[in-house]
Amino acid sequence: MESILAMIYGQFYDKPKSTSPMRRIAANHRQLIQRLNKQNRKLVLRIIDDKDLICGDVSLDSFIQGFGLGAKLTTEILNESDGVLRDIVE
């Protein structure tokens, strides 16, 4: 099921446009790269890549958790004893 949710996430998730914090990070990254030797630049790039992977994982996990919560909420509403929503759906 999680791979289906990951596919849905990939289909509907739009990356946010460049934000102020993103622009600051990019500017600071450029400044740092200019001041570092090659070995330290590679280290900084690895750190940034890993941070981006973590952010992507957190975003996907949040989507999956929200989707699951929505599904549980829908199930609970449809199982209410008064059946009002069940009549609408059926």
N, C-alpha and C. Protein backbone atom coordinates (compact mmCIF):
# COMPACT_ATOMS: atom_id res chain seq x y z
N MET A 1 0.83 -1.20 0.00
CA MET A 1 0.00 0.00 0.00
C MET A 1 0.86 1.25 0.00
N GLU A 2 1.99 1.19 0.71
CA GLU A 2 2.82 2.39 0.81
C GLU A 2 3.38 2.79 -0.55
N SER A 3 3.71 1.81 -1.41
CA SER A 3 4.22 2.17 -2.72
C SER A 3 3.14 2.86 -3.57
N ILE A 4 1.89 2.47 -3.38
CA ILE A 4 0.79 3.14 -4.09
C ILE A 4 0.67 4.58 -3.59
N LEU A 5 0.78 4.78 -2.27
CA LEU A 5 0.71 6.13 -1.73
C LEU A 5 1.91 6.96 -2.18
N ALA A 6 3.08 6.34 -2.28
CA ALA A 6 4.25 7.05 -2.78
C ALA A 6 4.03 7.47 -4.23
N MET A 7 3.40 6.62 -5.02
CA MET A 7 3.10 6.95 -6.40
C MET A 7 2.09 8.11 -6.47
N ILE A 8 1.07 8.06 -5.65
CA ILE A 8 0.09 9.15 -5.60
C ILE A 8 0.76 10.44 -5.19
N TYR A 9 1.63 10.36 -4.18
CA TYR A 9 2.38 11.54 -3.72
C TYR A 9 3.20 12.13 -4.87
N GLY A 10 3.91 11.27 -5.58
CA GLY A 10 4.73 11.74 -6.69
C GLY A 10 3.90 12.36 -7.80
N GLN A 11 2.69 11.88 -7.97
CA GLN A 11 1.81 12.38 -9.03
C GLN A 11 1.24 13.76 -8.69
N PHE A 12 0.92 13.98 -7.43
CA PHE A 12 0.18 15.18 -7.07
C PHE A 12 0.98 16.22 -6.30
N TYR A 13 2.15 15.86 -5.79
CA TYR A 13 2.92 16.81 -5.01
C TYR A 13 3.69 17.76 -5.92
N ASP A 14 3.52 19.03 -5.69
CA ASP A 14 4.27 20.05 -6.42
C ASP A 14 5.30 20.65 -5.49
N LYS A 15 6.56 20.65 -5.91
CA LYS A 15 7.59 21.26 -5.08
C LYS A 15 7.29 22.75 -4.95
N PRO A 16 7.49 23.28 -3.75
CA PRO A 16 7.24 24.71 -3.59
C PRO A 16 8.24 25.53 -4.40
N LYS A 17 7.79 26.68 -4.83
CA LYS A 17 8.67 27.60 -5.54
C LYS A 17 9.77 28.04 -4.59
N SER A 18 10.76 28.65 -5.13
CA SER A 18 11.87 29.13 -4.32
C SER A 18 11.37 30.10 -3.25
N THR A 19 11.65 29.76 -2.00
CA THR A 19 11.22 30.59 -0.89
C THR A 19 12.40 31.37 -0.36
N SER A 20 12.13 32.31 0.51
CA SER A 20 13.19 33.12 1.09
C SER A 20 14.24 32.26 1.80
N PRO A 21 13.84 31.30 2.64
CA PRO A 21 14.86 30.45 3.27
C PRO A 21 15.67 29.64 2.25
N MET A 22 15.00 29.17 1.19
CA MET A 22 15.71 28.41 0.17
C MET A 22 16.75 29.28 -0.54
N ARG A 23 16.39 30.53 -0.81
CA ARG A 23 17.33 31.44 -1.46
C ARG A 23 18.51 31.76 -0.55
N ARG A 24 18.23 31.92 0.76
CA ARG A 24 19.32 32.18 1.72
C ARG A 24 20.26 31.00 1.81
N ILE A 25 19.71 29.80 1.82
CA ILE A 25 20.55 28.60 1.87
C ILE A 25 21.44 28.53 0.63
N ALA A 26 20.86 28.78 -0.53
CA ALA A 26 21.64 28.73 -1.77
C ALA A 26 22.74 29.79 -1.77
N ALA A 27 22.43 30.99 -1.32
CA ALA A 27 23.44 32.06 -1.28
C ALA A 27 24.55 31.72 -0.29
N ASN A 28 24.18 31.22 0.88
CA ASN A 28 25.18 30.84 1.88
C ASN A 28 26.02 29.66 1.39
N HIS A 29 25.39 28.75 0.68
CA HIS A 29 26.11 27.60 0.12
C HIS A 29 27.15 28.07 -0.88
N ARG A 30 26.77 29.00 -1.76
CA ARG A 30 27.73 29.52 -2.74
C ARG A 30 28.92 30.19 -2.05
N GLN A 31 28.64 30.97 -1.02
CA GLN A 31 29.73 31.64 -0.29
C GLN A 31 30.65 30.63 0.38
N LEU A 32 30.06 29.61 0.97
CA LEU A 32 30.85 28.60 1.67
C LEU A 32 31.73 27.82 0.70
N ILE A 33 31.16 27.44 -0.45
CA ILE A 33 31.90 26.67 -1.45
C ILE A 33 33.13 27.45 -1.93
N GLN A 34 32.99 28.76 -2.07
CA GLN A 34 34.11 29.59 -2.53
C GLN A 34 35.26 29.59 -1.52
N ARG A 35 34.96 29.36 -0.27
CA ARG A 35 35.97 29.45 0.79
C ARG A 35 36.59 28.11 1.17
N LEU A 36 36.05 27.03 0.64
CA LEU A 36 36.52 25.71 1.06
C LEU A 36 37.40 25.05 0.01
N ASN A 37 38.23 24.14 0.48
CA ASN A 37 39.01 23.34 -0.46
C ASN A 37 38.12 22.25 -1.04
N LYS A 38 38.63 21.53 -2.02
CA LYS A 38 37.82 20.54 -2.74
C LYS A 38 37.25 19.46 -1.82
N GLN A 39 38.07 18.97 -0.90
CA GLN A 39 37.62 17.90 0.00
C GLN A 39 36.47 18.39 0.89
N ASN A 40 36.57 19.60 1.41
CA ASN A 40 35.50 20.13 2.27
C ASN A 40 34.26 20.50 1.47
N ARG A 41 34.43 20.90 0.22
CA ARG A 41 33.26 21.17 -0.63
C ARG A 41 32.45 19.91 -0.83
N LYS A 42 33.14 18.79 -1.06
CA LYS A 42 32.45 17.51 -1.23
C LYS A 42 31.68 17.15 0.05
N LEU A 43 32.28 17.41 1.18
CA LEU A 43 31.63 17.12 2.45
C LEU A 43 30.36 17.96 2.61
N VAL A 44 30.45 19.23 2.28
CA VAL A 44 29.27 20.11 2.37
C VAL A 44 28.18 19.62 1.41
N LEU A 45 28.55 19.23 0.22
CA LEU A 45 27.56 18.74 -0.74
C LEU A 45 26.89 17.47 -0.24
N ARG A 46 27.66 16.57 0.39
CA ARG A 46 27.07 15.36 0.96
C ARG A 46 26.07 15.70 2.06
N ILE A 47 26.44 16.67 2.90
CA ILE A 47 25.53 17.08 3.98
C ILE A 47 24.24 17.64 3.40
N ILE A 48 24.35 18.49 2.40
CA ILE A 48 23.16 19.10 1.79
C ILE A 48 22.31 18.03 1.10
N ASP A 49 22.95 17.12 0.39
CA ASP A 49 22.20 16.04 -0.27
C ASP A 49 21.45 15.18 0.76
N ASP A 50 22.12 14.85 1.86
CA ASP A 50 21.46 14.05 2.90
C ASP A 50 20.31 14.81 3.55
N LYS A 51 20.49 16.11 3.76
CA LYS A 51 19.41 16.94 4.32
C LYS A 51 18.21 16.93 3.38
N ASP A 52 18.48 17.06 2.09
CA ASP A 52 17.39 17.04 1.11
C ASP A 52 16.67 15.69 1.09
N LEU A 53 17.43 14.60 1.22
CA LEU A 53 16.80 13.27 1.28
C LEU A 53 15.91 13.13 2.51
N ILE A 54 16.39 13.64 3.64
CA ILE A 54 15.59 13.59 4.87
C ILE A 54 14.31 14.40 4.70
N CYS A 55 14.43 15.59 4.12
CA CYS A 55 13.24 16.43 3.90
C CYS A 55 12.23 15.73 2.99
N GLY A 56 12.72 15.07 1.96
CA GLY A 56 11.83 14.33 1.06
C GLY A 56 11.14 13.18 1.78
N ASP A 57 11.91 12.46 2.60
CA ASP A 57 11.32 11.35 3.36
C ASP A 57 10.26 11.84 4.33
N VAL A 58 10.54 12.95 5.01
CA VAL A 58 9.58 13.51 5.97
C VAL A 58 8.32 13.97 5.24
N SER A 59 8.50 14.58 4.08
CA SER A 59 7.34 15.04 3.31
C SER A 59 6.47 13.87 2.87
N LEU A 60 7.10 12.82 2.35
CA LEU A 60 6.34 11.63 1.94
C LEU A 60 5.64 11.00 3.13
N ASP A 61 6.35 10.88 4.25
CA ASP A 61 5.75 10.29 5.45
C ASP A 61 4.56 11.11 5.92
N SER A 62 4.67 12.43 5.89
CA SER A 62 3.56 13.29 6.29
C SER A 62 2.35 13.08 5.38
N PHE A 63 2.62 12.96 4.07
CA PHE A 63 1.54 12.71 3.12
C PHE A 63 0.84 11.39 3.43
N ILE A 64 1.64 10.33 3.65
CA ILE A 64 1.08 9.01 3.92
C ILE A 64 0.28 9.02 5.22
N GLN A 65 0.80 9.67 6.25
CA GLN A 65 0.10 9.75 7.52
C GLN A 65 -1.21 10.53 7.36
N GLY A 66 -1.19 11.62 6.62
CA GLY A 66 -2.40 12.41 6.39
C GLY A 66 -3.42 11.64 5.58
N PHE A 67 -2.95 10.91 4.58
CA PHE A 67 -3.84 10.09 3.77
C PHE A 67 -4.52 9.03 4.63
N GLY A 68 -3.72 8.38 5.49
CA GLY A 68 -4.28 7.36 6.39
C GLY A 68 -5.29 7.94 7.35
N LEU A 69 -4.99 9.12 7.88
CA LEU A 69 -5.93 9.78 8.79
C LEU A 69 -7.22 10.12 8.06
N GLY A 70 -7.12 10.59 6.83
CA GLY A 70 -8.31 10.89 6.05
C GLY A 70 -9.15 9.64 5.79
N ALA A 71 -8.47 8.53 5.49
CA ALA A 71 -9.18 7.27 5.26
C ALA A 71 -9.88 6.80 6.53
N LYS A 72 -9.21 6.90 7.67
CA LYS A 72 -9.84 6.50 8.94
C LYS A 72 -11.03 7.39 9.27
N LEU A 73 -10.88 8.69 9.03
CA LEU A 73 -11.97 9.62 9.28
C LEU A 73 -13.17 9.30 8.40
N THR A 74 -12.90 9.02 7.14
CA THR A 74 -13.98 8.66 6.21
C THR A 74 -14.69 7.38 6.67
N THR A 75 -13.92 6.39 7.06
CA THR A 75 -14.50 5.13 7.54
C THR A 75 -15.37 5.36 8.77
N GLU A 76 -14.85 6.16 9.69
CA GLU A 76 -15.60 6.43 10.91
C GLU A 76 -16.91 7.16 10.60
N ILE A 77 -16.86 8.13 9.72
CA ILE A 77 -18.06 8.89 9.37
C ILE A 77 -19.09 7.98 8.68
N LEU A 78 -18.61 7.13 7.79
CA LEU A 78 -19.54 6.25 7.06
C LEU A 78 -20.14 5.17 7.96
N ASN A 79 -19.49 4.88 9.06
CA ASN A 79 -20.00 3.86 9.98
C ASN A 79 -20.85 4.44 11.11
N GLU A 80 -21.10 5.73 11.08
CA GLU A 80 -21.94 6.34 12.11
C GLU A 80 -23.31 5.66 12.10
N SER A 81 -23.91 5.55 13.26
CA SER A 81 -25.17 4.80 13.38
C SER A 81 -26.35 5.48 12.69
N ASP A 82 -26.29 6.81 12.52
CA ASP A 82 -27.45 7.46 11.89
C ASP A 82 -27.48 7.23 10.37
N GLY A 83 -26.33 6.88 9.77
CA GLY A 83 -26.32 6.52 8.35
C GLY A 83 -26.55 7.66 7.38
N VAL A 84 -26.52 8.90 7.85
CA VAL A 84 -26.79 10.04 6.97
C VAL A 84 -25.83 10.07 5.78
N LEU A 85 -24.55 9.98 6.05
CA LEU A 85 -23.57 10.03 4.97
C LEU A 85 -23.58 8.75 4.13
N ARG A 86 -23.89 7.63 4.76
CA ARG A 86 -23.95 6.38 4.02
C ARG A 86 -25.02 6.48 2.92
N ASP A 87 -26.15 7.10 3.24
CA ASP A 87 -27.22 7.26 2.26
C ASP A 87 -26.77 8.14 1.08
N ILE A 88 -25.98 9.16 1.38
CA ILE A 88 -25.49 10.06 0.32
C ILE A 88 -24.53 9.32 -0.60
N VAL A 89 -23.63 8.54 -0.02
CA VAL A 89 -22.62 7.82 -0.80
C VAL A 89 -23.23 6.72 -1.63
N GLU A 90 -24.19 6.03 -1.07
CA GLU A 90 -24.80 4.91 -1.79
C GLU A 90 -25.80 5.45 -2.73
